[in-house]
Protein backbone atom coordinates (compact mmCIF):
# COMPACT_ATOMS: atom_id res chain seq x y z
CA UNK A 1 -13.20 -1.73 23.86
CA UNK A 2 -12.31 -4.86 21.90
CA UNK A 3 -15.84 -4.96 20.83
CA UNK A 4 -14.93 -1.48 19.09
CA UNK A 5 -11.85 -2.62 18.10
CA UNK A 6 -13.59 -5.92 16.05
CA UNK A 7 -16.30 -4.02 14.63
CA UNK A 8 -16.77 -4.12 10.83
CA UNK A 9 -16.43 -0.38 10.77
CA UNK A 10 -13.59 0.56 13.04
CA UNK A 11 -11.10 -0.03 10.40
CA UNK A 12 -13.12 2.71 7.63
CA UNK A 13 -13.61 5.06 10.23
CA UNK A 14 -10.55 5.51 12.33
CA UNK A 15 -8.33 5.62 8.84
CA UNK A 16 -10.59 8.20 7.37
CA UNK A 17 -10.07 10.19 10.37
CA UNK A 18 -6.82 9.79 10.37
CA UNK A 19 -6.68 10.24 7.04
CA UNK A 20 -8.30 13.46 7.27
CA UNK A 21 -6.67 14.81 9.83
CA UNK A 22 -3.23 13.99 9.11
CA UNK A 23 -3.76 16.30 5.91
CA UNK A 24 -5.63 18.66 7.56
CA UNK A 25 -2.43 19.31 10.14
CA UNK A 26 -0.05 19.75 7.67
CA UNK A 27 -2.29 22.02 5.62
CA UNK A 28 -3.03 24.27 8.15
CA UNK A 29 0.38 24.96 10.47
CA UNK A 30 3.06 23.84 7.21
CA UNK A 31 1.47 25.03 4.02
CA UNK A 32 4.97 26.70 2.85
CA UNK A 33 6.48 23.24 3.55
CA UNK A 34 3.98 21.10 2.89
CA UNK A 35 6.29 20.28 -0.80
CA UNK A 36 9.23 19.25 1.73
CA UNK A 37 7.14 17.12 4.00
CA UNK A 38 5.38 15.03 0.90
CA UNK A 39 8.17 14.59 -1.42
CA UNK A 40 10.50 11.95 -1.65
CA UNK A 41 12.95 11.43 1.41
CA UNK A 42 10.39 14.36 3.34
CA UNK A 43 9.12 13.61 7.03
CA UNK A 44 6.12 11.45 5.20
CA UNK A 45 8.05 8.78 3.54
CA UNK A 46 10.23 8.50 6.99
CA UNK A 47 7.24 7.96 8.52
CA UNK A 48 6.15 5.20 5.67
CA UNK A 49 9.70 3.26 6.34
CA UNK A 50 9.06 3.09 10.02
CA UNK A 51 5.39 1.52 9.30
CA UNK A 52 6.76 -1.30 7.51
CA UNK A 53 8.99 -2.11 9.64
CA UNK A 54 6.61 -2.25 12.38
CA UNK A 55 4.76 -4.86 9.61
CA UNK A 56 7.07 -6.70 9.47
CA UNK A 57 7.56 -7.47 12.96
CA UNK A 58 4.14 -7.48 13.56
CA UNK A 59 4.49 -10.28 10.67
CA UNK A 60 6.73 -12.36 12.52
CA UNK A 61 4.77 -11.59 15.94
CA UNK A 62 1.67 -13.21 14.48
CA UNK A 63 3.17 -16.11 12.76
CA UNK A 64 0.89 -18.45 14.69
CA UNK A 65 -2.15 -17.07 13.71
CA UNK A 66 -1.49 -18.28 10.30
CA UNK A 67 -1.05 -21.94 11.21
CA UNK A 68 -3.93 -22.87 9.01
CA UNK A 69 -2.80 -21.11 6.02
CA UNK A 70 0.88 -21.05 6.48
CA UNK A 71 1.68 -21.16 2.87
CA UNK A 72 -0.38 -18.12 2.15
CA UNK A 73 1.52 -16.48 5.35
CA UNK A 74 4.43 -17.04 3.77
CA UNK A 75 3.36 -14.51 0.27
CA UNK A 76 1.75 -12.17 2.43
CA UNK A 77 5.48 -11.58 4.29
CA UNK A 78 7.04 -11.74 0.64
CA UNK A 79 4.54 -8.90 -0.59
CA UNK A 80 5.31 -6.70 2.74
CA UNK A 81 8.96 -7.04 1.48
CA UNK A 82 8.35 -6.17 -1.44
CA UNK A 83 5.79 -2.97 -0.97
CA UNK A 84 8.70 -1.94 1.46
CA UNK A 85 11.41 -2.02 -0.56
CA UNK A 86 9.57 -0.66 -3.52
CA UNK A 87 9.18 2.15 -1.51
CA UNK A 88 12.36 2.48 0.10
CA UNK A 89 13.17 2.91 -3.25
CA UNK A 90 15.12 0.12 -4.31
CA UNK A 91 13.98 0.26 -7.73
CA UNK A 92 16.42 3.00 -8.54
CA UNK A 93 19.54 0.55 -8.01
CA UNK A 94 18.88 -2.25 -9.72
CA UNK A 95 19.20 -1.25 -13.43
CA UNK A 96 22.33 0.03 -15.20
CA UNK A 97 20.79 3.58 -15.92
CA UNK A 98 16.86 3.16 -16.20
CA UNK A 99 15.13 3.86 -12.85
CA UNK A 100 11.57 2.19 -14.01
CA UNK A 101 11.86 -0.98 -14.00
CA UNK A 102 8.53 -2.34 -13.01
CA UNK A 103 6.98 0.30 -15.57
CA UNK A 104 5.77 0.02 -18.99
CA UNK A 105 8.42 2.45 -20.62
CA UNK A 106 11.34 0.28 -18.88
CA UNK A 107 10.38 -2.46 -21.43
CA UNK A 108 9.53 -0.14 -24.26
CA UNK A 109 12.54 1.82 -23.77
CA UNK A 110 15.29 -0.05 -26.35
CA UNK A 111 18.41 1.15 -25.13
CA UNK A 112 17.69 -0.91 -21.83
CA UNK A 113 19.52 -4.25 -21.89
CA UNK A 114 17.75 -7.60 -23.06
CA UNK A 115 18.60 -9.59 -20.27
CA UNK A 116 17.64 -6.71 -17.92
CA UNK A 117 13.98 -6.69 -19.11
CA UNK A 118 13.72 -10.19 -19.07
CA UNK A 119 14.83 -10.25 -15.77
CA UNK A 120 12.32 -7.63 -14.64
CA UNK A 121 9.28 -9.13 -16.75
CA UNK A 122 9.59 -12.51 -14.92
CA UNK A 123 9.84 -10.89 -11.36
CA UNK A 124 6.67 -8.87 -12.45
CA UNK A 125 4.90 -12.41 -13.65
CA UNK A 126 5.73 -13.59 -10.43
CA UNK A 127 4.55 -10.96 -8.31
CA UNK A 128 1.26 -10.67 -10.58
CA UNK A 129 1.12 -14.89 -10.20
CA UNK A 130 0.67 -14.20 -6.55
CA UNK A 131 -1.74 -11.68 -6.23
CA UNK A 132 -3.90 -13.52 -8.71
CA UNK A 133 -3.56 -16.62 -6.95
CA UNK A 134 -4.89 -14.84 -3.78
CA UNK A 135 -7.61 -13.01 -5.55
CA UNK A 136 -8.85 -16.11 -6.71
CA UNK A 137 -8.60 -18.38 -3.52
CA UNK A 138 -10.06 -15.43 -0.92
CA UNK A 139 -12.01 -12.90 -3.92
CA UNK A 140 -15.46 -14.96 -3.00
CA UNK A 141 -15.31 -14.80 0.74
CA UNK A 142 -13.84 -11.46 1.52
CA UNK A 143 -17.16 -10.70 -1.08
CA UNK A 144 -19.22 -12.33 1.20
CA UNK A 145 -17.46 -11.49 4.43
CA UNK A 146 -18.22 -7.64 3.33
CA UNK A 147 -21.91 -8.03 2.26
CA UNK A 148 -22.52 -10.29 5.00
CA UNK A 149 -21.15 -6.84 6.97
CA UNK A 150 -18.00 -9.04 8.63
CA UNK A 151 -14.62 -7.15 10.31
CA UNK A 152 -12.74 -9.12 7.41
CA UNK A 153 -14.44 -8.13 4.80
CA UNK A 154 -14.40 -4.57 5.53
CA UNK A 155 -10.90 -4.26 6.67
CA UNK A 156 -9.72 -5.63 3.54
CA UNK A 157 -11.90 -3.48 1.75
CA UNK A 158 -10.24 0.04 2.96
CA UNK A 159 -7.14 -1.82 2.30
CA UNK A 160 -7.99 -2.57 -1.37
CA UNK A 161 -9.57 1.12 -1.41
CA UNK A 162 -6.51 3.02 -0.30
CA UNK A 163 -4.39 1.06 -2.52
CA UNK A 164 -6.15 2.12 -5.55
CA UNK A 165 -6.79 5.46 -4.87
CA UNK A 166 -3.12 6.31 -4.06
CA UNK A 167 -2.27 4.88 -7.27
CA UNK A 168 -4.82 6.42 -8.94
CA UNK A 169 -3.67 10.16 -7.40
CA UNK A 170 -0.08 9.31 -8.17
CA UNK A 171 -0.79 8.45 -12.12
CA UNK A 172 -3.17 11.31 -12.05
CA UNK A 173 -0.58 14.34 -12.86
CA UNK A 174 1.17 12.34 -15.92
CA UNK A 175 -2.60 11.10 -16.92
CA UNK A 176 -3.88 14.78 -16.79
CA UNK A 177 -0.44 15.80 -18.93
CA UNK A 178 -1.03 12.58 -21.38
CA UNK A 179 -4.20 13.40 -22.26
CA UNK A 180 -4.69 17.38 -22.25
CA UNK A 181 -1.12 18.31 -23.28
CA UNK A 182 -1.28 20.93 -19.93
CA UNK A 183 0.40 20.30 -16.80
CA UNK A 184 -1.37 20.80 -13.11
CA UNK A 185 -1.78 23.88 -11.70
CA UNK A 186 1.80 23.51 -8.84
CA UNK A 187 -0.27 24.09 -6.15
CA UNK A 188 -3.10 21.18 -7.11
CA UNK A 189 0.13 19.05 -7.92
CA UNK A 190 1.20 19.73 -4.53
CA UNK A 191 -1.74 18.88 -2.87
CA UNK A 192 -2.56 15.75 -4.93
CA UNK A 193 1.15 14.75 -3.62
CA UNK A 194 0.31 14.92 -0.10
CA UNK A 195 -2.72 13.23 -0.39
CA UNK A 196 -0.85 10.24 -2.21
CA UNK A 197 1.57 10.50 0.41
CA UNK A 198 -0.55 10.36 3.29
CA UNK A 199 -2.35 7.52 1.81
CA UNK A 200 0.36 5.18 0.80
CA UNK A 201 1.78 6.12 4.31
CA UNK A 202 -1.87 3.98 5.95
CA UNK A 203 -1.00 1.41 3.80
CA UNK A 204 1.51 -0.60 5.99
CA UNK A 205 -0.60 1.02 9.49
CA UNK A 206 -3.95 -0.76 7.97
CA UNK A 207 -1.99 -3.93 7.56
CA UNK A 208 -0.86 -3.70 10.94
CA UNK A 209 -4.43 -3.26 12.73
CA UNK A 210 -5.85 -5.81 10.19
CA UNK A 211 -2.62 -8.48 11.78
CA UNK A 212 -4.00 -7.30 15.92
CA UNK A 213 -7.62 -8.18 14.77
CA UNK A 214 -6.98 -11.17 12.94
CA UNK A 215 -5.17 -12.45 15.92
CA UNK A 216 -8.09 -11.02 18.02
CA UNK A 217 -10.28 -13.05 16.05
CA UNK A 218 -8.02 -16.11 16.28
CA UNK A 219 -7.90 -15.72 19.93
CA UNK A 220 -11.42 -15.38 20.41
CA UNK A 221 -11.98 -18.33 18.05
CA UNK A 222 -9.98 -21.16 20.52
CA UNK A 223 -10.98 -19.57 24.02
């Protein structure tokens, strides 16, 4: 079992199956309640919050596995906390009257106070700076690892792909309306919302599996 768990194909196969299975079950057995399940405050969102809590617990338990990259460990914890807080909707409670402090329209809206724009602009710069630092530091290693069919490269690729796909689907209805001037069919919007929400729910699960794989690799290395 351990052999399969540490296979480069484990993450893409298991996550793809779980993602499709979750959507198929909801489409097949709960078509009438799909919007309520997928929308904010629905069952999927509660599941996402639960998985983020498990992720944070897993990061604490796996602290010793990052002894060689201790500073980066705290960055991973910081990013996980940021992702959890954003998923929990903290952005809706940070400003005077706007609920989009981390979107471009917040900074272009003249009604928003200048001090809030400066504050959240600084926060975004810090987060983007951290992501850029990680990209520069690990990009070459991850690309080589992926091309050589190694576990770390493939599991990371699944995490990044899921993140990009979820965000693309999240913005698709708004972009479609912006470029065509038309609204998507409500049924299509509901289906896209389900795909996006289940994808976002899988992000912390992928990270948890990744941590477990990394833990076993470190244990195997020092045995």
